[in-house]
C-alpha atoms as a PDB file:
ATOM      1  CA  UNK A   1      25.844-100.661 -78.465  1.00  0.00           C
ATOM      2  CA  UNK A   2      28.438-103.540 -76.841  1.00  0.00           C
ATOM      3  CA  UNK A   3      31.777-104.016 -79.287  1.00  0.00           C
ATOM      4  CA  UNK A   4      33.051-107.851 -79.325  1.00  0.00           C
ATOM      5  CA  UNK A   5      36.579-106.816 -80.489  1.00  0.00           C
ATOM      6  CA  UNK A   6      38.555-109.681 -80.539  1.00  0.00           C
ATOM      7  CA  UNK A   7      42.337-108.953 -78.893  1.00  0.00           C
ATOM      8  CA  UNK A   8      45.555-111.136 -79.047  1.00  0.00           C
ATOM      9  CA  UNK A   9      45.338-114.390 -76.561  1.00  0.00           C
ATOM     10  CA  UNK A  10      49.250-115.034 -76.232  1.00  0.00           C
ATOM     11  CA  UNK A  11      49.701-117.157 -74.077  1.00  0.00           C
ATOM     12  CA  UNK A  12      53.590-115.843 -73.574  1.00  0.00           C
ATOM     13  CA  UNK A  13      52.807-112.722 -72.470  1.00  0.00           C
ATOM     14  CA  UNK A  14      49.700-111.834 -70.701  1.00  0.00           C
ATOM     15  CA  UNK A  15      49.871-108.129 -71.085  1.00  0.00           C
ATOM     16  CA  UNK A  16      49.315-107.823 -74.448  1.00  0.00           C
ATOM     17  CA  UNK A  17      45.594-107.272 -75.735  1.00  0.00           C
ATOM     18  CA  UNK A  18      46.240-105.668 -78.807  1.00  0.00           C
ATOM     19  CA  UNK A  19      43.689-105.738 -81.478  1.00  0.00           C
ATOM     20  CA  UNK A  20      45.615-106.257 -84.786  1.00  0.00           C
ATOM     21  CA  UNK A  21      45.196-110.061 -85.008  1.00  0.00           C
ATOM     22  CA  UNK A  22      47.611-111.624 -87.825  1.00  0.00           C
ATOM     23  CA  UNK A  23      46.688-115.241 -87.110  1.00  0.00           C
ATOM     24  CA  UNK A  24      44.799-117.897 -84.569  1.00  0.00           C
ATOM     25  CA  UNK A  25      47.715-120.859 -83.384  1.00  0.00           C
ATOM     26  CA  UNK A  26      45.983-124.599 -81.798  1.00  0.00           C
ATOM     27  CA  UNK A  27      47.348-124.039 -78.313  1.00  0.00           C
ATOM     28  CA  UNK A  28      46.846-126.761 -75.654  1.00  0.00           C
ATOM     29  CA  UNK A  29      43.692-127.697 -77.537  1.00  0.00           C
ATOM     30  CA  UNK A  30      41.970-124.149 -77.655  1.00  0.00           C
ATOM     31  CA  UNK A  31      42.224-121.811 -81.131  1.00  0.00           C
ATOM     32  CA  UNK A  32      43.613-118.335 -80.257  1.00  0.00           C
ATOM     33  CA  UNK A  33      44.387-115.107 -81.585  1.00  0.00           C
ATOM     34  CA  UNK A  34      47.780-113.553 -81.808  1.00  0.00           C
ATOM     35  CA  UNK A  35      48.613-109.971 -82.893  1.00  0.00           C
ATOM     36  CA  UNK A  36      50.698-109.006 -85.714  1.00  0.00           C
ATOM     37  CA  UNK A  37      53.578-107.376 -83.224  1.00  0.00           C
ATOM     38  CA  UNK A  38      53.254-110.672 -81.180  1.00  0.00           C
ATOM     39  CA  UNK A  39      53.922-113.118 -83.888  1.00  0.00           C
ATOM     40  CA  UNK A  40      56.682-111.511 -84.995  1.00  0.00           C
ATOM     41  CA  UNK A  41      57.841-112.339 -81.501  1.00  0.00           C
ATOM     42  CA  UNK A  42      56.829-115.838 -81.205  1.00  0.00           C
ATOM     43  CA  UNK A  43      58.060-117.145 -84.557  1.00  0.00           C
ATOM     44  CA  UNK A  44      61.818-115.636 -83.540  1.00  0.00           C
ATOM     45  CA  UNK A  45      61.396-118.077 -80.255  1.00  0.00           C
ATOM     46  CA  UNK A  46      61.698-122.117 -79.832  1.00  0.00           C
ATOM     47  CA  UNK A  47      58.381-122.456 -78.130  1.00  0.00           C
ATOM     48  CA  UNK A  48      56.091-125.583 -78.142  1.00  0.00           C
ATOM     49  CA  UNK A  49      52.348-125.426 -78.221  1.00  0.00           C
END
């Protein structure tokens, strides 16, 4: 049986594969999942998407 577990697709940290999705952001026209750990880092930065 194959499980389709969604993982983090943080565009600023390609190595992250966290599975505890906190929220979704729109980045370059695409909706992508962001994990809780990455979101706390992103929220403290001045990134634009």
